[in-house]
Amino acid sequence: MGSSLPLSVPHALRRDGERLFDLSMWCLGRDVLHPENLLLSRGLSRERMPEGQKGTSAYRTAPGEGGALTLWGFGVVCREGATSVYVPRSRFEPLLVDEARLARPLFNAMDLGIPRLPTTDGERACARAALVTLARWLAGHEEWIDARLGPGWRRECLAAMKKAPVWPGEGLAAAWRRWAARVEALERSVVDTSLAPLVGV
């Protein structure tokens, strides 16, 4: 389903993020299955899905001041201030979520209601900031995994994939950091353009 709304992130950058996100979500799922549950070992809190309900448990962390990150098997919600941005696993596109939906525990994507595309410059800037926060957290997680378990664990995770990974496990942290820097550069160019004097006035 297409949209005439301006994109928060250009197509090429979004495509690269989608490939990285798919790989990271796979790896996070494997981290949960590790005998130590590596997300819990890293300090994330878990809210178990009630018995008989469909969905996945929620893992939460606070990546920065006032921010919050909630991870499920179906996607991630990043709270930046008063704005909550949902990034679905099925497509790497930042969507805005009604805060009231997040006031109670939820375990499947349908409980998020109908997330919407950012429509204003301010909303798109918030969406980009949330993507940078997510990218940096994922990079930090990969660095933590490598420091704790060495490269062997990620190689094992990637070997379990049915399709060939788009990045080697050892390069995932660096790839996310480069991606975040590209989004930040995009944000600077948006600000610079908005401050530029009008030509011919």
C-alpha atoms as a PDB file:
ATOM      1  CA  MET A   1       0.000   0.000   0.000  1.00  0.00           C
ATOM      2  CA  GLY A   2       1.633   3.262  -1.132  1.00  0.00           C
ATOM      3  CA  SER A   3       1.396   6.711   0.363  1.00  0.00           C
ATOM      4  CA  SER A   4       1.786  10.225  -1.007  1.00  0.00           C
ATOM      5  CA  LEU A   5       3.173  11.418   2.342  1.00  0.00           C
ATOM      6  CA  PRO A   6       6.846  12.456   2.434  1.00  0.00           C
ATOM      7  CA  LEU A   7       9.009   9.649   3.801  1.00  0.00           C
ATOM      8  CA  SER A   8      10.707   9.895   7.189  1.00  0.00           C
ATOM      9  CA  VAL A   9      13.681   8.046   5.676  1.00  0.00           C
ATOM     10  CA  PRO A  10      14.593   7.814   1.964  1.00  0.00           C
ATOM     11  CA  HIS A  11      13.997   4.473   0.220  1.00  0.00           C
ATOM     12  CA  ALA A  12      17.656   3.416  -0.062  1.00  0.00           C
ATOM     13  CA  LEU A  13      18.327   4.130   3.609  1.00  0.00           C
ATOM     14  CA  ARG A  14      15.118   2.417   4.637  1.00  0.00           C
ATOM     15  CA  ARG A  15      16.011  -0.655   2.525  1.00  0.00           C
ATOM     16  CA  ASP A  16      19.392  -0.947   4.262  1.00  0.00           C
ATOM     17  CA  GLY A  17      17.711  -0.534   7.658  1.00  0.00           C
ATOM     18  CA  GLU A  18      15.147  -3.189   6.767  1.00  0.00           C
ATOM     19  CA  ARG A  19      17.877  -5.728   5.972  1.00  0.00           C
ATOM     20  CA  LEU A  20      19.731  -4.977   9.191  1.00  0.00           C
ATOM     21  CA  PHE A  21      16.510  -5.025  11.242  1.00  0.00           C
ATOM     22  CA  ASP A  22      15.446  -8.392   9.870  1.00  0.00           C
ATOM     23  CA  LEU A  23      18.813  -9.839  10.834  1.00  0.00           C
ATOM     24  CA  SER A  24      18.822  -8.192  14.277  1.00  0.00           C
ATOM     25  CA  MET A  25      15.308  -9.373  15.096  1.00  0.00           C
ATOM     26  CA  TRP A  26      16.340 -12.938  14.199  1.00  0.00           C
ATOM     27  CA  CYS A  27      19.399 -12.642  16.432  1.00  0.00           C
ATOM     28  CA  LEU A  28      17.373 -11.190  19.334  1.00  0.00           C
ATOM     29  CA  GLY A  29      15.031 -14.165  19.088  1.00  0.00           C
ATOM     30  CA  ARG A  30      18.017 -16.503  19.309  1.00  0.00           C
ATOM     31  CA  ASP A  31      19.353 -14.506  22.282  1.00  0.00           C
ATOM     32  CA  VAL A  32      16.090 -15.185  24.125  1.00  0.00           C
ATOM     33  CA  LEU A  33      16.474 -18.914  23.433  1.00  0.00           C
ATOM     34  CA  HIS A  34      20.033 -18.977  24.789  1.00  0.00           C
ATOM     35  CA  PRO A  35      20.217 -20.950  28.090  1.00  0.00           C
ATOM     36  CA  GLU A  36      20.884 -17.676  29.945  1.00  0.00           C
ATOM     37  CA  ASN A  37      18.243 -15.657  28.027  1.00  0.00           C
ATOM     38  CA  LEU A  38      20.702 -12.977  26.990  1.00  0.00           C
ATOM     39  CA  LEU A  39      18.141 -10.169  27.026  1.00  0.00           C
ATOM     40  CA  LEU A  40      17.484 -10.816  30.715  1.00  0.00           C
ATOM     41  CA  SER A  41      21.219 -11.165  31.330  1.00  0.00           C
ATOM     42  CA  ARG A  42      21.732  -7.754  29.774  1.00  0.00           C
ATOM     43  CA  GLY A  43      19.249  -6.255  32.211  1.00  0.00           C
ATOM     44  CA  LEU A  44      16.055  -5.981  30.174  1.00  0.00           C
ATOM     45  CA  SER A  45      12.835  -6.647  32.051  1.00  0.00           C
ATOM     46  CA  ARG A  46      10.384  -9.202  30.697  1.00  0.00           C
ATOM     47  CA  GLU A  47       6.616  -9.196  30.775  1.00  0.00           C
ATOM     48  CA  ARG A  48       5.476 -12.712  30.025  1.00  0.00           C
ATOM     49  CA  MET A  49       2.547 -13.263  27.734  1.00  0.00           C
ATOM     50  CA  PRO A  50      -0.443 -14.612  29.690  1.00  0.00           C
ATOM     51  CA  GLU A  51      -1.242 -18.274  29.147  1.00  0.00           C
ATOM     52  CA  GLY A  52      -3.736 -18.849  26.369  1.00  0.00           C
ATOM     53  CA  GLN A  53      -3.041 -15.506  24.664  1.00  0.00           C
ATOM     54  CA  LYS A  54      -1.474 -15.247  21.225  1.00  0.00           C
ATOM     55  CA  GLY A  55       1.608 -13.113  20.712  1.00  0.00           C
ATOM     56  CA  THR A  56       5.035 -12.750  22.283  1.00  0.00           C
ATOM     57  CA  SER A  57       6.439 -11.627  25.620  1.00  0.00           C
ATOM     58  CA  ALA A  58       7.610  -8.016  25.925  1.00  0.00           C
ATOM     59  CA  TYR A  59      11.175  -6.999  26.827  1.00  0.00           C
ATOM     60  CA  ARG A  60      11.829  -3.461  28.046  1.00  0.00           C
ATOM     61  CA  THR A  61      14.849  -1.259  28.535  1.00  0.00           C
ATOM     62  CA  ALA A  62      15.630   2.450  28.883  1.00  0.00           C
ATOM     63  CA  PRO A  63      18.299   3.371  26.305  1.00  0.00           C
ATOM     64  CA  GLY A  64      18.593   7.006  27.389  1.00  0.00           C
ATOM     65  CA  GLU A  65      17.158   9.767  29.535  1.00  0.00           C
ATOM     66  CA  GLY A  66      13.380   9.721  29.286  1.00  0.00           C
ATOM     67  CA  GLY A  67      13.417   7.100  26.541  1.00  0.00           C
ATOM     68  CA  ALA A  68      12.100   3.560  26.564  1.00  0.00           C
ATOM     69  CA  LEU A  69      12.403   0.625  24.220  1.00  0.00           C
ATOM     70  CA  THR A  70       9.972  -2.307  24.142  1.00  0.00           C
ATOM     71  CA  LEU A  71      10.798  -5.338  22.019  1.00  0.00           C
ATOM     72  CA  TRP A  72       8.472  -8.112  20.872  1.00  0.00           C
ATOM     73  CA  GLY A  73       8.850 -10.765  18.205  1.00  0.00           C
ATOM     74  CA  PHE A  74       6.663  -8.630  15.914  1.00  0.00           C
ATOM     75  CA  GLY A  75       8.489  -5.317  16.279  1.00  0.00           C
ATOM     76  CA  VAL A  76       9.798  -2.578  18.540  1.00  0.00           C
ATOM     77  CA  VAL A  77       8.321   0.544  20.121  1.00  0.00           C
ATOM     78  CA  CYS A  78      10.717   3.370  20.910  1.00  0.00           C
ATOM     79  CA  ARG A  79       9.477   6.173  23.153  1.00  0.00           C
ATOM     80  CA  GLU A  80      11.177   9.503  22.624  1.00  0.00           C
ATOM     81  CA  GLY A  81       9.684  12.045  25.009  1.00  0.00           C
ATOM     82  CA  ALA A  82       5.938  12.147  24.434  1.00  0.00           C
ATOM     83  CA  THR A  83       6.128  10.329  21.094  1.00  0.00           C
ATOM     84  CA  SER A  84       6.024   6.557  20.641  1.00  0.00           C
ATOM     85  CA  VAL A  85       7.332   5.154  17.363  1.00  0.00           C
ATOM     86  CA  TYR A  86       6.547   1.600  16.295  1.00  0.00           C
ATOM     87  CA  VAL A  87       8.855  -0.227  13.895  1.00  0.00           C
ATOM     88  CA  PRO A  88       7.130  -3.412  12.670  1.00  0.00           C
ATOM     89  CA  ARG A  89       9.253  -6.454  11.952  1.00  0.00           C
ATOM     90  CA  SER A  90       7.358  -7.024   8.717  1.00  0.00           C
ATOM     91  CA  ARG A  91       8.562  -3.707   7.231  1.00  0.00           C
ATOM     92  CA  PHE A  92      11.100  -1.205   8.449  1.00  0.00           C
ATOM     93  CA  GLU A  93       8.899   1.879   8.570  1.00  0.00           C
ATOM     94  CA  PRO A  94       8.521   4.179  11.590  1.00  0.00           C
ATOM     95  CA  LEU A  95       4.866   4.551  12.576  1.00  0.00           C
ATOM     96  CA  LEU A  96       3.309   6.600  15.359  1.00  0.00           C
ATOM     97  CA  VAL A  97       1.342   4.810  18.069  1.00  0.00           C
ATOM     98  CA  ASP A  98      -1.392   6.205  20.308  1.00  0.00           C
ATOM     99  CA  GLU A  99       0.137   6.521  23.796  1.00  0.00           C
ATOM    100  CA  ALA A 100      -3.083   5.265  25.406  1.00  0.00           C
ATOM    101  CA  ARG A 101      -2.530   1.885  23.712  1.00  0.00           C
ATOM    102  CA  LEU A 102       0.760   1.494  25.587  1.00  0.00           C
ATOM    103  CA  ALA A 103      -0.726   2.133  29.023  1.00  0.00           C
ATOM    104  CA  ARG A 104      -1.529  -1.563  29.454  1.00  0.00           C
ATOM    105  CA  PRO A 105       0.550  -4.646  28.671  1.00  0.00           C
ATOM    106  CA  LEU A 106       0.251  -5.846  25.098  1.00  0.00           C
ATOM    107  CA  PHE A 107       1.605  -8.920  23.408  1.00  0.00           C
ATOM    108  CA  ASN A 108       0.546  -8.749  19.755  1.00  0.00           C
ATOM    109  CA  ALA A 109       0.589  -6.116  17.027  1.00  0.00           C
ATOM    110  CA  MET A 110      -3.215  -5.839  16.876  1.00  0.00           C
ATOM    111  CA  ASP A 111      -3.235  -4.394  20.401  1.00  0.00           C
ATOM    112  CA  LEU A 112      -1.324  -1.374  19.066  1.00  0.00           C
ATOM    113  CA  GLY A 113      -4.430  -0.313  17.147  1.00  0.00           C
ATOM    114  CA  ILE A 114      -3.733   1.304  13.797  1.00  0.00           C
ATOM    115  CA  PRO A 115      -0.341   3.011  13.890  1.00  0.00           C
ATOM    116  CA  ARG A 116      -0.059   5.897  11.439  1.00  0.00           C
ATOM    117  CA  LEU A 117       2.630   7.421   9.285  1.00  0.00           C
ATOM    118  CA  PRO A 118       4.191  10.652  10.558  1.00  0.00           C
ATOM    119  CA  THR A 119       2.538  13.550   8.727  1.00  0.00           C
ATOM    120  CA  THR A 120       4.348  16.691   9.883  1.00  0.00           C
ATOM    121  CA  ASP A 121       8.007  17.688   9.749  1.00  0.00           C
ATOM    122  CA  GLY A 122       8.117  17.470  13.554  1.00  0.00           C
ATOM    123  CA  GLU A 123       6.642  13.958  13.573  1.00  0.00           C
ATOM    124  CA  ARG A 124       9.070  12.815  10.884  1.00  0.00           C
ATOM    125  CA  ALA A 125      11.979  14.257  12.906  1.00  0.00           C
ATOM    126  CA  CYS A 126      10.739  12.324  15.983  1.00  0.00           C
ATOM    127  CA  ALA A 127      10.495   9.160  13.889  1.00  0.00           C
ATOM    128  CA  ARG A 128      14.075   9.590  12.675  1.00  0.00           C
ATOM    129  CA  ALA A 129      15.295  10.238  16.235  1.00  0.00           C
ATOM    130  CA  ALA A 130      13.583   7.029  17.376  1.00  0.00           C
ATOM    131  CA  LEU A 131      15.240   5.064  14.561  1.00  0.00           C
ATOM    132  CA  VAL A 132      18.648   6.427  15.589  1.00  0.00           C
ATOM    133  CA  THR A 133      17.983   5.433  19.212  1.00  0.00           C
ATOM    134  CA  LEU A 134      16.947   1.946  18.093  1.00  0.00           C
ATOM    135  CA  ALA A 135      19.968   1.579  15.786  1.00  0.00           C
ATOM    136  CA  ARG A 136      22.375   2.618  18.518  1.00  0.00           C
ATOM    137  CA  TRP A 137      20.775   0.276  21.039  1.00  0.00           C
ATOM    138  CA  LEU A 138      21.018  -2.623  18.579  1.00  0.00           C
ATOM    139  CA  ALA A 139      24.680  -1.754  17.903  1.00  0.00           C
ATOM    140  CA  GLY A 140      25.364  -1.636  21.638  1.00  0.00           C
ATOM    141  CA  HIS A 141      23.629  -4.963  22.104  1.00  0.00           C
ATOM    142  CA  GLU A 142      25.832  -6.575  19.466  1.00  0.00           C
ATOM    143  CA  GLU A 143      28.926  -5.147  21.142  1.00  0.00           C
ATOM    144  CA  TRP A 144      27.727  -6.495  24.501  1.00  0.00           C
ATOM    145  CA  ILE A 145      27.088  -9.941  22.975  1.00  0.00           C
ATOM    146  CA  ASP A 146      30.557 -10.006  21.422  1.00  0.00           C
ATOM    147  CA  ALA A 147      32.239  -8.939  24.679  1.00  0.00           C
ATOM    148  CA  ARG A 148      30.322 -11.560  26.673  1.00  0.00           C
ATOM    149  CA  LEU A 149      30.346 -14.546  24.316  1.00  0.00           C
ATOM    150  CA  GLY A 150      32.807 -13.752  21.540  1.00  0.00           C
ATOM    151  CA  PRO A 151      31.922 -14.033  17.837  1.00  0.00           C
ATOM    152  CA  GLY A 152      30.992 -17.717  18.050  1.00  0.00           C
ATOM    153  CA  TRP A 153      27.463 -17.125  19.357  1.00  0.00           C
ATOM    154  CA  ARG A 154      26.477 -14.807  16.519  1.00  0.00           C
ATOM    155  CA  ARG A 155      27.966 -17.204  13.980  1.00  0.00           C
ATOM    156  CA  GLU A 156      25.806 -19.932  15.499  1.00  0.00           C
ATOM    157  CA  CYS A 157      22.721 -17.689  15.296  1.00  0.00           C
ATOM    158  CA  LEU A 158      23.362 -16.851  11.654  1.00  0.00           C
ATOM    159  CA  ALA A 159      24.063 -20.470  10.741  1.00  0.00           C
ATOM    160  CA  ALA A 160      20.533 -21.310  11.944  1.00  0.00           C
ATOM    161  CA  MET A 161      18.960 -18.920   9.403  1.00  0.00           C
ATOM    162  CA  LYS A 162      17.251 -20.467   6.406  1.00  0.00           C
ATOM    163  CA  LYS A 163      18.492 -17.676   4.134  1.00  0.00           C
ATOM    164  CA  ALA A 164      21.976 -16.248   3.869  1.00  0.00           C
ATOM    165  CA  PRO A 165      22.452 -13.214   6.152  1.00  0.00           C
ATOM    166  CA  VAL A 166      22.983  -9.797   4.548  1.00  0.00           C
ATOM    167  CA  TRP A 167      25.811  -8.947   6.948  1.00  0.00           C
ATOM    168  CA  PRO A 168      28.299 -11.108   8.824  1.00  0.00           C
ATOM    169  CA  GLY A 169      27.543 -11.258  12.533  1.00  0.00           C
ATOM    170  CA  GLU A 170      30.811  -9.553  13.419  1.00  0.00           C
ATOM    171  CA  GLY A 171      29.880  -6.543  11.285  1.00  0.00           C
ATOM    172  CA  LEU A 172      26.376  -5.986  12.619  1.00  0.00           C
ATOM    173  CA  ALA A 173      27.270  -3.465  15.351  1.00  0.00           C
ATOM    174  CA  ALA A 174      29.377  -1.365  12.966  1.00  0.00           C
ATOM    175  CA  ALA A 175      26.682  -1.548  10.278  1.00  0.00           C
ATOM    176  CA  TRP A 176      24.056  -0.194  12.712  1.00  0.00           C
ATOM    177  CA  ARG A 177      26.386   2.623  13.827  1.00  0.00           C
ATOM    178  CA  ARG A 178      27.011   3.624  10.201  1.00  0.00           C
ATOM    179  CA  TRP A 179      23.277   3.492   9.490  1.00  0.00           C
ATOM    180  CA  ALA A 180      22.499   5.717  12.501  1.00  0.00           C
ATOM    181  CA  ALA A 181      25.134   8.228  11.350  1.00  0.00           C
ATOM    182  CA  ARG A 182      23.509   8.356   7.888  1.00  0.00           C
ATOM    183  CA  VAL A 183      20.108   9.112   9.449  1.00  0.00           C
ATOM    184  CA  GLU A 184      21.642  11.821  11.630  1.00  0.00           C
ATOM    185  CA  ALA A 185      23.306  13.337   8.559  1.00  0.00           C
ATOM    186  CA  LEU A 186      19.910  13.343   6.874  1.00  0.00           C
ATOM    187  CA  GLU A 187      18.458  15.201   9.850  1.00  0.00           C
ATOM    188  CA  ARG A 188      21.235  17.803   9.656  1.00  0.00           C
ATOM    189  CA  SER A 189      20.557  18.325   5.957  1.00  0.00           C
ATOM    190  CA  VAL A 190      16.842  18.831   6.697  1.00  0.00           C
ATOM    191  CA  VAL A 191      17.679  21.449   9.335  1.00  0.00           C
ATOM    192  CA  ASP A 192      20.276  23.149   7.103  1.00  0.00           C
ATOM    193  CA  THR A 193      17.810  23.356   4.232  1.00  0.00           C
ATOM    194  CA  SER A 194      15.114  24.841   6.467  1.00  0.00           C
ATOM    195  CA  LEU A 195      17.551  27.538   7.645  1.00  0.00           C
ATOM    196  CA  ALA A 196      18.817  28.425   4.171  1.00  0.00           C
ATOM    197  CA  PRO A 197      17.744  31.854   2.832  1.00  0.00           C
ATOM    198  CA  LEU A 198      15.140  31.899   0.082  1.00  0.00           C
ATOM    199  CA  VAL A 199      16.729  32.288  -3.341  1.00  0.00           C
ATOM    200  CA  GLY A 200      15.632  35.310  -5.362  1.00  0.00           C
ATOM    201  CA  VAL A 201      14.010  37.170  -2.456  1.00  0.00           C
END
